């Protein structure tokens, strides 16, 4: 016999030994080869479906066609590929021989259960992804309101819906498809949940505090607030914490329970930003120049449109005191709108104009100084 003939006989003997086992008996080698081809084909078809859908949705985006339908088409490719894989597993089961003359029936039973479980996962995955459509409508609705805090409520609702779908789908697959004893599992989870709840009491407190923040609405996203020594803009309100971007650029995470139990200073809600300053001039200026300095500052403030001049909050300028080394002029005004950087820009204009006018009027600014007199005998 040739070497090739010996190899064929050895291979046939090897397969004849394996074919007697319960997992392969009654099935020829070509059936398992066909099963492998079906699984590979299902995976390839799933990838092709994703690729085709992605190309089509990109074209729709460029053409600005129906947004909702585009979102739906973007959500479906992956769930469809999972469903195709389930269909491939079902076709594989039909290609194999089960029963008394084939593979053990127990394996067939669990094979069918696996097919149903994968199909159920595909359906649950589709619902999970379709939450994006609900999010689109919620964002459209919240964009019509003036407050920005409800815009942050949309991601919270999206996460809640997805978690709910995941939990319900898991229980449905475990109970309705796989036939697991869900009641026993839930009972065990309930006993263990007491310990978990005690360990996670701070997390639970933060969660309910987030609900209080949404209900009470002490601030909105992108507003400037002060809380517990932190001063910055609100970037995000989550289940557990609120993120604040400080003026230095640092991202600070504050637990929601701390916010609900602290005094929140909403700086952005102020209608004006007030500046209070003391302008000092030399004692050598005398009565006339001190009076003129007050008049000059009043004229400067009256010429700047961002300085509030209403009767309720007019600019205040007074020759207020005699300091040890200077004559003191008290100045106070309110900048509107209450924009932090506009406030600094207005202060700069006031300061530069004040220096220019004082130089023209020969009024000298004072600085801390002492005069020493020496007496000679």
Protein backbone atom coordinates (compact mmCIF):
# COMPACT_ATOMS: atom_id res chain seq x y z
CA UNK A 1 0.00 0.00 0.00
CA UNK A 2 1.10 3.54 -0.67
CA UNK A 3 1.50 6.22 1.99
CA UNK A 4 -1.67 8.06 0.85
CA UNK A 5 -3.72 4.87 1.11
CA UNK A 6 -2.45 4.26 4.63
CA UNK A 7 -3.40 7.85 5.58
CA UNK A 8 -6.96 7.43 4.21
CA UNK A 9 -7.42 4.14 6.13
CA UNK A 10 -6.08 5.74 9.33
CA UNK A 11 -8.43 8.73 8.87
CA UNK A 12 -11.43 6.45 8.33
CA UNK A 13 -10.56 4.45 11.41
CA UNK A 14 -10.22 7.67 13.41
CA UNK A 15 -13.64 8.93 12.27
CA UNK A 16 -15.28 5.53 12.87
CA UNK A 17 -14.11 5.71 16.49
CA UNK A 18 -15.38 9.26 16.97
CA UNK A 19 -18.70 8.64 15.22
CA UNK A 20 -19.71 6.21 17.96
CA UNK A 21 -19.72 9.01 20.56
CA UNK A 22 -23.07 10.69 21.40
CA UNK A 23 -21.98 14.11 20.14
CA UNK A 24 -21.26 12.98 16.57
CA UNK A 25 -22.90 9.60 15.98
CA UNK A 26 -25.13 9.24 12.94
CA UNK A 27 -23.47 12.24 11.23
CA UNK A 28 -20.93 12.20 8.45
CA UNK A 29 -17.92 14.47 8.44
CA UNK A 30 -19.41 16.60 5.63
CA UNK A 31 -22.33 17.60 7.90
CA UNK A 32 -19.98 19.17 10.41
CA UNK A 33 -18.11 20.85 7.58
CA UNK A 34 -21.43 22.27 6.38
CA UNK A 35 -22.22 23.49 9.91
CA UNK A 36 -18.90 25.32 9.99
CA UNK A 37 -19.59 26.90 6.58
CA UNK A 38 -23.09 28.03 7.68
CA UNK A 39 -21.69 29.69 10.82
CA UNK A 40 -18.97 31.45 8.81
CA UNK A 41 -21.55 32.53 6.21
CA UNK A 42 -23.84 33.92 8.93
CA UNK A 43 -20.97 35.96 10.39
CA UNK A 44 -19.94 37.28 6.96
CA UNK A 45 -23.54 38.17 6.02
CA UNK A 46 -23.91 40.00 9.35
CA UNK A 47 -20.80 42.06 8.62
CA UNK A 48 -22.01 42.84 5.09
CA UNK A 49 -25.39 44.00 6.42
CA UNK A 50 -23.64 46.36 8.85
CA UNK A 51 -21.42 47.72 6.08
CA UNK A 52 -24.34 48.30 3.68
CA UNK A 53 -26.45 50.01 6.35
CA UNK A 54 -23.56 52.26 7.40
CA UNK A 55 -22.94 53.40 3.82
CA UNK A 56 -26.65 54.04 3.25
CA UNK A 57 -27.07 56.04 6.48
CA UNK A 58 -23.99 58.13 5.64
CA UNK A 59 -25.57 59.03 2.29
CA UNK A 60 -28.82 59.97 4.02
CA UNK A 61 -26.88 62.19 6.44
CA UNK A 62 -25.22 64.02 3.55
CA UNK A 63 -28.59 64.45 1.80
CA UNK A 64 -30.23 65.58 5.10
CA UNK A 65 -33.14 63.23 4.58
CA UNK A 66 -35.65 62.06 7.24
CA UNK A 67 -33.65 62.12 10.49
CA UNK A 68 -35.79 59.65 12.46
CA UNK A 69 -35.59 56.99 9.75
CA UNK A 70 -31.84 57.52 9.52
CA UNK A 71 -31.46 57.02 13.27
CA UNK A 72 -33.53 53.82 13.06
CA UNK A 73 -31.41 52.50 10.20
CA UNK A 74 -28.26 53.31 12.18
CA UNK A 75 -29.58 51.39 15.20
CA UNK A 76 -30.62 48.17 13.41
CA UNK A 77 -27.49 46.71 11.68
CA UNK A 78 -25.90 45.11 14.76
CA UNK A 79 -29.15 43.57 16.08
CA UNK A 80 -29.86 42.24 12.57
CA UNK A 81 -26.40 40.64 12.43
CA UNK A 82 -27.13 38.91 15.76
CA UNK A 83 -30.48 37.71 14.35
CA UNK A 84 -28.71 36.37 11.23
CA UNK A 85 -26.32 34.46 13.50
CA UNK A 86 -29.34 32.97 15.32
CA UNK A 87 -30.80 31.95 11.95
CA UNK A 88 -27.46 30.34 11.06
CA UNK A 89 -27.50 28.31 14.30
CA UNK A 90 -31.06 27.19 13.50
CA UNK A 91 -30.02 26.05 10.00
CA UNK A 92 -27.05 24.19 11.50
CA UNK A 93 -29.44 22.29 13.79
CA UNK A 94 -31.49 21.24 10.75
CA UNK A 95 -28.41 19.90 8.96
CA UNK A 96 -27.46 17.50 11.79
CA UNK A 97 -29.06 14.19 12.73
CA UNK A 98 -30.44 13.96 16.26
CA UNK A 99 -32.40 11.27 18.08
CA UNK A 100 -31.85 7.57 18.73
CA UNK A 101 -29.72 7.15 15.58
CA UNK A 102 -27.95 10.48 15.89
CA UNK A 103 -26.66 12.99 18.40
CA UNK A 104 -28.09 12.84 21.90
CA UNK A 105 -31.50 14.55 22.15
CA UNK A 106 -30.36 16.50 25.20
CA UNK A 107 -27.86 18.32 23.02
CA UNK A 108 -30.62 19.08 20.50
CA UNK A 109 -32.79 20.47 23.32
CA UNK A 110 -30.08 22.86 24.54
CA UNK A 111 -29.16 23.74 20.95
CA UNK A 112 -32.73 24.93 20.33
CA UNK A 113 -32.65 26.83 23.63
CA UNK A 114 -29.43 28.54 22.54
CA UNK A 115 -30.99 29.52 19.18
CA UNK A 116 -34.02 31.03 20.94
CA UNK A 117 -31.77 32.83 23.43
CA UNK A 118 -29.66 34.41 20.66
CA UNK A 119 -32.84 35.45 18.81
CA UNK A 120 -34.21 36.99 22.01
CA UNK A 121 -30.92 38.83 22.54
CA UNK A 122 -31.20 40.22 18.99
CA UNK A 123 -34.71 41.54 19.74
CA UNK A 124 -33.66 43.03 23.09
CA UNK A 125 -30.57 44.56 21.45
CA UNK A 126 -32.78 46.21 18.82
CA UNK A 127 -35.00 47.72 21.52
CA UNK A 128 -31.89 48.82 23.43
CA UNK A 129 -30.54 50.66 20.38
CA UNK A 130 -33.94 52.13 19.43
CA UNK A 131 -33.82 54.20 22.63
CA UNK A 132 -31.84 56.66 20.46
CA UNK A 133 -35.09 57.48 18.63
CA UNK A 134 -36.79 58.36 21.93
CA UNK A 135 -33.75 60.45 22.86
CA UNK A 136 -34.04 62.36 19.57
CA UNK A 137 -37.66 63.33 20.28
CA UNK A 138 -36.84 64.27 23.89
CA UNK A 139 -33.98 66.52 22.76
CA UNK A 140 -36.33 68.14 20.27
CA UNK A 141 -38.82 68.76 23.06
CA UNK A 142 -36.29 70.13 25.55
CA UNK A 143 -34.71 72.42 22.94
CA UNK A 144 -37.95 74.44 23.00
CA UNK A 145 -37.57 75.26 26.71
CA UNK A 146 -35.43 78.05 28.15
CA UNK A 147 -33.84 75.95 30.89
CA UNK A 148 -30.83 73.80 30.04
CA UNK A 149 -31.14 71.47 33.01
CA UNK A 150 -33.80 69.40 31.27
CA UNK A 151 -31.29 68.86 28.45
CA UNK A 152 -29.19 66.98 31.01
CA UNK A 153 -32.27 65.01 32.04
CA UNK A 154 -32.43 63.41 28.58
CA UNK A 155 -29.21 61.33 28.98
CA UNK A 156 -30.45 60.22 32.41
CA UNK A 157 -33.74 59.02 30.89
CA UNK A 158 -31.84 57.28 28.08
CA UNK A 159 -29.63 55.42 30.55
CA UNK A 160 -32.65 54.48 32.68
CA UNK A 161 -34.54 53.10 29.68
CA UNK A 162 -31.55 51.08 28.54
CA UNK A 163 -30.96 49.64 32.01
CA UNK A 164 -34.65 48.76 32.29
CA UNK A 165 -34.63 47.03 28.88
CA UNK A 166 -31.47 45.10 29.80
CA UNK A 167 -32.94 43.90 33.11
CA UNK A 168 -36.32 42.90 31.63
CA UNK A 169 -34.64 41.16 28.68
CA UNK A 170 -32.31 39.24 31.01
CA UNK A 171 -35.21 38.03 33.17
CA UNK A 172 -37.30 37.15 30.09
CA UNK A 173 -34.49 35.16 28.47
CA UNK A 174 -33.62 33.42 31.74
CA UNK A 175 -37.23 32.53 32.60
CA UNK A 176 -39.10 32.24 29.31
CA UNK A 177 -36.33 30.92 27.06
CA UNK A 178 -33.76 29.11 29.19
CA UNK A 179 -36.28 27.98 31.81
CA UNK A 180 -34.23 29.10 34.80
CA UNK A 181 -35.87 29.45 38.22
CA UNK A 182 -36.03 33.26 38.27
CA UNK A 183 -37.99 33.36 41.52
CA UNK A 184 -35.20 31.60 43.38
CA UNK A 185 -32.65 33.91 41.77
CA UNK A 186 -34.63 37.02 42.75
CA UNK A 187 -35.11 35.68 46.29
CA UNK A 188 -31.36 35.18 46.63
CA UNK A 189 -30.77 38.62 45.15
CA UNK A 190 -33.25 40.11 47.63
CA UNK A 191 -31.38 38.65 50.61
CA UNK A 192 -28.03 39.79 49.23
CA UNK A 193 -29.55 43.11 48.23
CA UNK A 194 -29.93 44.15 51.86
CA UNK A 195 -26.19 43.91 52.38
CA UNK A 196 -25.56 45.65 49.06
CA UNK A 197 -27.98 48.47 49.98
CA UNK A 198 -26.18 49.04 53.29
CA UNK A 199 -22.83 49.12 51.52
CA UNK A 200 -24.13 51.42 48.78
CA UNK A 201 -26.10 53.82 50.97
CA UNK A 202 -24.02 56.79 49.78
CA UNK A 203 -24.71 55.86 46.14
CA UNK A 204 -28.44 55.61 46.88
CA UNK A 205 -28.35 58.97 48.66
CA UNK A 206 -26.62 60.55 45.65
CA UNK A 207 -29.22 59.05 43.30
CA UNK A 208 -32.16 60.54 45.22
CA UNK A 209 -30.24 63.79 45.53
CA UNK A 210 -30.00 63.93 41.73
CA UNK A 211 -33.79 63.65 41.58
CA UNK A 212 -34.03 66.54 44.05
CA UNK A 213 -31.69 68.64 41.89
CA UNK A 214 -33.85 68.07 38.80
CA UNK A 215 -37.02 68.85 40.77
CA UNK A 216 -35.72 71.91 42.66
CA UNK A 217 -33.67 73.27 39.73
CA UNK A 218 -31.14 75.31 41.75
CA UNK A 219 -28.95 75.79 38.68
CA UNK A 220 -28.75 74.96 35.01
CA UNK A 221 -26.04 73.51 32.80
CA UNK A 222 -23.33 76.05 31.83
CA UNK A 223 -24.24 78.33 34.74
CA UNK A 224 -21.57 79.67 37.09
CA UNK A 225 -21.99 78.49 40.69
CA UNK A 226 -20.14 78.49 44.02
CA UNK A 227 -20.43 75.47 46.30
CA UNK A 228 -18.17 74.24 49.10
CA UNK A 229 -15.31 76.44 47.95
CA UNK A 230 -15.64 75.34 44.31
CA UNK A 231 -16.29 78.07 41.76
CA UNK A 232 -17.01 77.19 38.13
CA UNK A 233 -19.47 76.28 35.37
CA UNK A 234 -21.78 73.27 35.61
CA UNK A 235 -20.93 70.79 32.84
CA UNK A 236 -23.04 67.74 33.67
CA UNK A 237 -25.55 66.49 36.24
CA UNK A 238 -25.49 62.70 36.59
CA UNK A 239 -27.03 60.00 38.77
CA UNK A 240 -24.25 60.15 41.35
CA UNK A 241 -22.46 63.46 40.96
CA UNK A 242 -22.31 66.86 39.29
CA UNK A 243 -19.28 67.96 37.30
CA UNK A 244 -18.06 71.55 37.60
CA UNK A 245 -15.37 73.14 35.40
CA UNK A 246 -13.50 75.68 37.51
CA UNK A 247 -12.17 78.97 36.12
CA UNK A 248 -8.67 77.46 36.27
CA UNK A 249 -9.83 74.68 33.92
CA UNK A 250 -9.99 71.88 36.51
CA UNK A 251 -12.88 69.40 36.36
CA UNK A 252 -14.34 68.94 39.86
CA UNK A 253 -16.80 66.13 40.64
CA UNK A 254 -19.16 66.95 43.53
CA UNK A 255 -21.48 64.22 44.95
CA UNK A 256 -25.12 65.18 44.55
CA UNK A 257 -25.80 64.56 48.25
CA UNK A 258 -23.25 67.27 49.07
CA UNK A 259 -25.01 69.72 46.74
CA UNK A 260 -28.47 69.14 48.26
CA UNK A 261 -27.04 69.62 51.78
CA UNK A 262 -25.00 72.73 50.98
CA UNK A 263 -25.64 76.37 50.17
CA UNK A 264 -25.44 76.85 46.38
CA UNK A 265 -24.53 80.33 45.18
CA UNK A 266 -25.81 80.63 41.61
CA UNK A 267 -23.57 83.40 40.31
CA UNK A 268 -25.07 83.36 36.79
CA UNK A 269 -28.52 84.32 38.11
CA UNK A 270 -27.36 87.72 39.31
CA UNK A 271 -28.80 90.53 37.14
CA UNK A 272 -25.70 92.74 37.61
CA UNK A 273 -22.04 92.43 38.60
CA UNK A 274 -21.04 95.05 41.12
CA UNK A 275 -17.65 96.72 41.40
CA UNK A 276 -16.62 98.56 44.54
CA UNK A 277 -13.31 100.42 44.63
CA UNK A 278 -11.47 103.13 46.53
CA UNK A 279 -9.63 105.70 44.42
CA UNK A 280 -6.90 107.53 46.34
CA UNK A 281 -5.45 110.95 45.42
CA UNK A 282 -2.72 112.96 47.11
CA UNK A 283 -3.36 115.47 49.91
CA UNK A 284 -1.71 118.07 47.72
CA UNK A 285 -4.67 117.90 45.32
CA UNK A 286 -6.64 120.23 47.56
CA UNK A 287 -10.36 120.91 47.70
CA UNK A 288 -10.84 121.91 44.05
CA UNK A 289 -9.11 118.88 42.53
CA UNK A 290 -10.79 116.46 44.97
CA UNK A 291 -14.16 117.80 43.90
CA UNK A 292 -13.14 117.66 40.23
CA UNK A 293 -11.95 114.05 40.62
CA UNK A 294 -15.44 113.03 41.80
CA UNK A 295 -17.03 114.82 38.83
CA UNK A 296 -14.62 113.18 36.34
CA UNK A 297 -15.38 109.67 37.62
CA UNK A 298 -19.13 110.34 37.38
CA UNK A 299 -18.71 111.56 33.79
CA UNK A 300 -16.71 108.46 32.84
CA UNK A 301 -19.31 106.08 34.27
CA UNK A 302 -22.16 107.95 32.56
CA UNK A 303 -20.51 107.52 29.15
CA UNK A 304 -20.15 103.70 29.36
CA UNK A 305 -23.35 101.97 28.18
CA UNK A 306 -22.75 98.71 30.12
CA UNK A 307 -22.75 100.60 33.44
CA UNK A 308 -26.26 100.54 34.91
CA UNK A 309 -27.72 104.02 35.39
CA UNK A 310 -31.27 103.17 36.51
CA UNK A 311 -32.59 104.91 39.67
CA UNK A 312 -32.60 101.60 41.57
CA UNK A 313 -28.87 100.98 41.08
CA UNK A 314 -27.10 104.14 39.89
CA UNK A 315 -23.31 104.62 39.99
CA UNK A 316 -22.11 105.91 43.38
CA UNK A 317 -19.08 108.21 43.66
CA UNK A 318 -18.22 110.09 46.88
CA UNK A 319 -15.27 111.80 48.52
CA UNK A 320 -15.55 109.48 51.47
CA UNK A 321 -12.57 109.75 53.84
CA UNK A 322 -9.21 111.15 54.88
CA UNK A 323 -6.69 108.35 54.91
CA UNK A 324 -3.30 108.47 56.60
CA UNK A 325 -1.58 109.11 53.32
CA UNK A 326 -4.35 110.01 50.82
CA UNK A 327 -7.77 111.44 50.12
CA UNK A 328 -10.21 108.60 49.50
CA UNK A 329 -12.90 108.57 46.77
CA UNK A 330 -15.43 105.75 47.03
CA UNK A 331 -16.64 104.34 43.66
CA UNK A 332 -19.35 101.74 43.08
CA UNK A 333 -21.23 100.72 39.94
CA UNK A 334 -23.12 97.75 38.43
CA UNK A 335 -22.28 96.16 35.08
CA UNK A 336 -25.11 94.76 32.97
CA UNK A 337 -25.44 92.13 31.49
CA UNK A 338 -23.83 89.99 34.17
CA UNK A 339 -21.11 88.58 31.95
CA UNK A 340 -17.92 87.83 33.90
CA UNK A 341 -15.50 88.75 31.11
CA UNK A 342 -17.54 91.77 30.02
CA UNK A 343 -17.29 92.95 33.63
CA UNK A 344 -13.48 92.90 33.44
CA UNK A 345 -13.50 94.60 30.04
CA UNK A 346 -15.69 97.43 31.41
CA UNK A 347 -13.40 97.82 34.44
CA UNK A 348 -10.44 98.18 32.10
CA UNK A 349 -12.17 100.91 30.11
CA UNK A 350 -13.06 102.78 33.31
CA UNK A 351 -9.51 102.53 34.65
CA UNK A 352 -7.81 103.65 31.43
CA UNK A 353 -10.18 106.58 30.96
CA UNK A 354 -9.72 107.58 34.59
CA UNK A 355 -5.94 107.65 34.20
CA UNK A 356 -6.24 109.68 31.01
CA UNK A 357 -8.63 112.25 32.50
CA UNK A 358 -6.70 112.57 35.78
CA UNK A 359 -3.49 113.26 33.85
CA UNK A 360 -5.28 115.99 31.89
CA UNK A 361 -6.67 117.53 35.10
CA UNK A 362 -3.27 117.29 36.88
CA UNK A 363 -4.78 115.06 39.58
CA UNK A 364 -2.22 112.70 41.09
CA UNK A 365 -2.97 109.20 42.39
CA UNK A 366 -1.65 108.57 45.88
CA UNK A 367 0.37 105.60 47.02
CA UNK A 368 1.33 104.57 50.57
CA UNK A 369 4.04 106.95 51.77
CA UNK A 370 5.37 108.66 54.90
CA UNK A 371 6.89 112.09 55.37
CA UNK A 372 9.70 112.34 57.97
CA UNK A 373 10.37 115.73 59.57
CA UNK A 374 13.74 116.23 61.26
CA UNK A 375 13.92 118.95 63.92
CA UNK A 376 17.26 120.75 64.38
CA UNK A 377 18.29 122.32 67.74
